[in-house]
Protein backbone atom coordinates (compact mmCIF):
# COMPACT_ATOMS: atom_id res chain seq x y z
CA MET A 1 14.82 -2.92 -9.44
CA THR A 2 11.51 -2.50 -7.62
CA ARG A 3 8.42 -3.43 -9.61
CA ILE A 4 5.93 -0.56 -9.40
CA ASP A 5 2.23 -1.17 -10.05
CA PHE A 6 -0.13 1.80 -10.33
CA HIS A 7 -3.80 1.04 -9.72
CA SER A 8 -5.70 4.12 -10.86
CA ASN A 9 -9.28 5.27 -11.32
CA VAL A 10 -10.23 2.92 -8.47
CA GLY A 11 -13.08 4.95 -7.00
CA ASP A 12 -12.81 4.29 -3.26
CA SER A 13 -9.06 3.90 -2.77
CA ILE A 14 -9.38 2.54 0.78
CA ALA A 15 -11.79 -0.23 -0.26
CA TYR A 16 -9.62 -1.06 -3.26
CA ALA A 17 -6.51 -1.19 -1.06
CA CYS A 18 -8.32 -3.63 1.25
CA ARG A 19 -8.83 -5.95 -1.72
CA LEU A 20 -5.14 -5.69 -2.64
CA ALA A 21 -4.16 -6.47 0.96
CA ARG A 22 -6.47 -9.49 0.97
CA LYS A 23 -4.99 -10.70 -2.32
CA ALA A 24 -1.43 -10.40 -0.99
CA TYR A 25 -2.38 -12.16 2.25
CA LEU A 26 -4.14 -15.02 0.47
CA SER A 27 -1.12 -15.50 -1.79
CA GLY A 28 1.19 -15.68 1.24
CA GLN A 29 3.01 -12.42 0.53
CA PRO A 30 3.61 -10.27 3.63
CA LEU A 31 2.68 -6.65 3.09
CA ILE A 32 3.38 -3.25 4.63
CA VAL A 33 0.74 -0.55 4.21
CA LEU A 34 2.00 3.02 4.43
CA ALA A 35 -0.32 6.00 4.90
CA GLU A 36 -0.78 9.18 6.88
CA ALA A 37 -2.21 8.48 10.36
CA ASP A 38 -5.83 9.48 9.64
CA ARG A 39 -5.93 7.52 6.37
CA LEU A 40 -4.26 4.54 8.06
CA LYS A 41 -6.97 4.57 10.74
CA ARG A 42 -9.71 4.46 8.08
CA PHE A 43 -7.89 1.64 6.27
CA ASP A 44 -7.56 -0.31 9.54
CA GLU A 45 -11.28 0.13 10.31
CA GLN A 46 -12.34 -0.91 6.82
CA LEU A 47 -10.00 -3.90 6.79
CA TRP A 48 -11.92 -5.28 9.77
CA THR A 49 -15.27 -5.06 8.00
CA PHE A 50 -14.94 -5.07 4.21
CA LYS A 51 -15.31 -8.87 3.82
CA PRO A 52 -16.90 -10.43 6.93
CA LEU A 53 -15.85 -13.99 6.07
CA GLU A 54 -12.35 -13.17 4.82
CA PHE A 55 -10.41 -11.68 7.73
CA VAL A 56 -6.99 -10.28 6.86
CA PRO A 57 -4.68 -10.48 9.90
CA HIS A 58 -3.12 -7.07 10.42
CA CYS A 59 -1.75 -4.79 13.12
CA MET A 60 0.16 -1.60 13.57
CA ALA A 61 3.92 -1.84 13.14
CA GLY A 62 5.73 -1.67 16.44
CA THR A 63 3.14 -3.69 18.37
CA ALA A 64 3.91 -6.97 20.13
CA LEU A 65 2.32 -9.05 17.35
CA ALA A 66 4.01 -7.26 14.44
CA ALA A 67 6.66 -9.95 13.91
CA GLU A 68 3.94 -12.60 13.47
CA THR A 69 1.45 -10.57 11.44
CA PRO A 70 1.41 -10.71 7.61
CA VAL A 71 -0.02 -7.21 7.08
CA LEU A 72 1.59 -4.31 8.93
CA LEU A 73 0.19 -0.79 9.01
CA THR A 74 2.50 2.16 9.53
CA ALA A 75 2.73 5.91 9.09
CA SER A 76 6.54 5.72 8.83
CA LEU A 77 8.97 3.25 7.30
CA GLU A 78 11.85 4.46 9.46
CA SER A 79 11.61 1.68 12.05
CA LEU A 80 10.95 -1.01 9.43
CA VAL A 81 14.01 -0.59 7.23
CA GLN A 82 15.67 -3.75 8.50
CA ASP A 83 12.52 -5.89 8.20
CA GLN A 84 13.20 -8.23 5.30
CA GLN A 85 10.06 -10.35 5.79
CA HIS A 86 7.81 -7.89 3.98
CA GLN A 87 8.65 -7.56 0.30
CA ILE A 88 5.57 -5.62 -0.83
CA LEU A 89 4.79 -2.02 0.07
CA LEU A 90 1.26 -0.70 -0.47
CA ASN A 91 1.41 3.08 -0.55
CA LEU A 92 -1.72 4.99 0.43
CA SER A 93 0.15 8.16 1.29
CA ALA A 94 0.31 11.21 -0.94
CA ALA A 95 4.12 11.22 -1.09
CA VAL A 96 6.71 8.94 -2.64
CA PRO A 97 7.62 6.51 0.16
CA PRO A 98 11.14 6.91 1.50
CA GLN A 99 13.26 3.80 0.92
CA PHE A 100 10.66 2.28 -1.43
CA ALA A 101 13.48 0.76 -3.50
CA ARG A 102 14.27 -1.78 -0.75
CA PHE A 103 10.99 -3.55 -1.54
CA GLU A 104 10.54 -6.02 -4.39
CA ARG A 105 7.16 -4.50 -5.25
CA LEU A 106 5.46 -1.18 -4.68
CA LEU A 107 1.69 -0.92 -5.09
CA GLU A 108 0.38 2.59 -5.68
CA VAL A 109 -3.36 3.16 -5.34
CA VAL A 110 -4.90 6.29 -6.86
CA GLY A 111 -8.56 7.07 -6.26
CA ASN A 112 -10.82 9.46 -8.14
CA GLU A 113 -10.60 12.39 -5.71
CA GLU A 114 -8.80 15.40 -7.19
CA HIS A 115 -6.12 15.48 -4.46
CA GLU A 116 -5.41 11.76 -5.02
CA LEU A 117 -5.14 12.25 -8.79
CA VAL A 118 -2.72 15.16 -8.45
CA ALA A 119 -0.53 13.34 -5.92
CA GLY A 120 -0.66 10.14 -7.99
CA ARG A 121 0.52 11.97 -11.12
CA GLU A 122 3.42 13.48 -9.17
CA ARG A 123 4.48 10.06 -7.85
CA TYR A 124 4.15 8.56 -11.34
CA ARG A 125 6.43 11.23 -12.82
CA PHE A 126 8.94 10.76 -9.98
CA TYR A 127 9.30 7.02 -10.66
CA ARG A 128 9.22 7.39 -14.45
CA ASP A 129 11.89 10.09 -14.42
CA ARG A 130 14.17 7.76 -12.46
CA GLY A 131 13.84 4.96 -14.99
CA TYR A 132 11.42 2.64 -13.22
CA VAL A 133 9.18 0.49 -15.39
CA LEU A 134 5.61 1.33 -14.41
CA ASN A 135 2.76 -1.15 -14.71
CA ASN A 136 -0.62 0.52 -15.02
CA TYR A 137 -3.94 -1.03 -14.01
CA LYS A 138 -6.69 1.44 -14.76
CA GLN A 139 -10.04 0.46 -13.27
CA GLY A 140 -13.47 1.40 -14.46
CA GLY A 141 -14.25 3.16 -17.71
């Protein structure tokens, strides 16, 4: 069963997600980041600049370098279903990711914005109601 980790009360969810991506990369765990296109663009831009001396190799799924890149960014998992290299999914989208159960781990990041909190609660209930064990990492005070 997929391990689901909720990181909540994180403040800036994009910056926090960059730190999670860096942690996965440094530990040698390939990662897929799922988000809506506009949010994915902001994540991509911030990933280039958030730690100047700690570059995290990443690219958009479907590009020529995707097979060699440890962190893939995508707005849809449809074309990645057969990719067994990436065992961790980092969800920055508002919805429950389709086919999330094919991953060993699912990282959910919930910022402090009202729309993120509402969507995060809905995803939490969805997983809980289906019997998933949820690990909670609440940041801040």
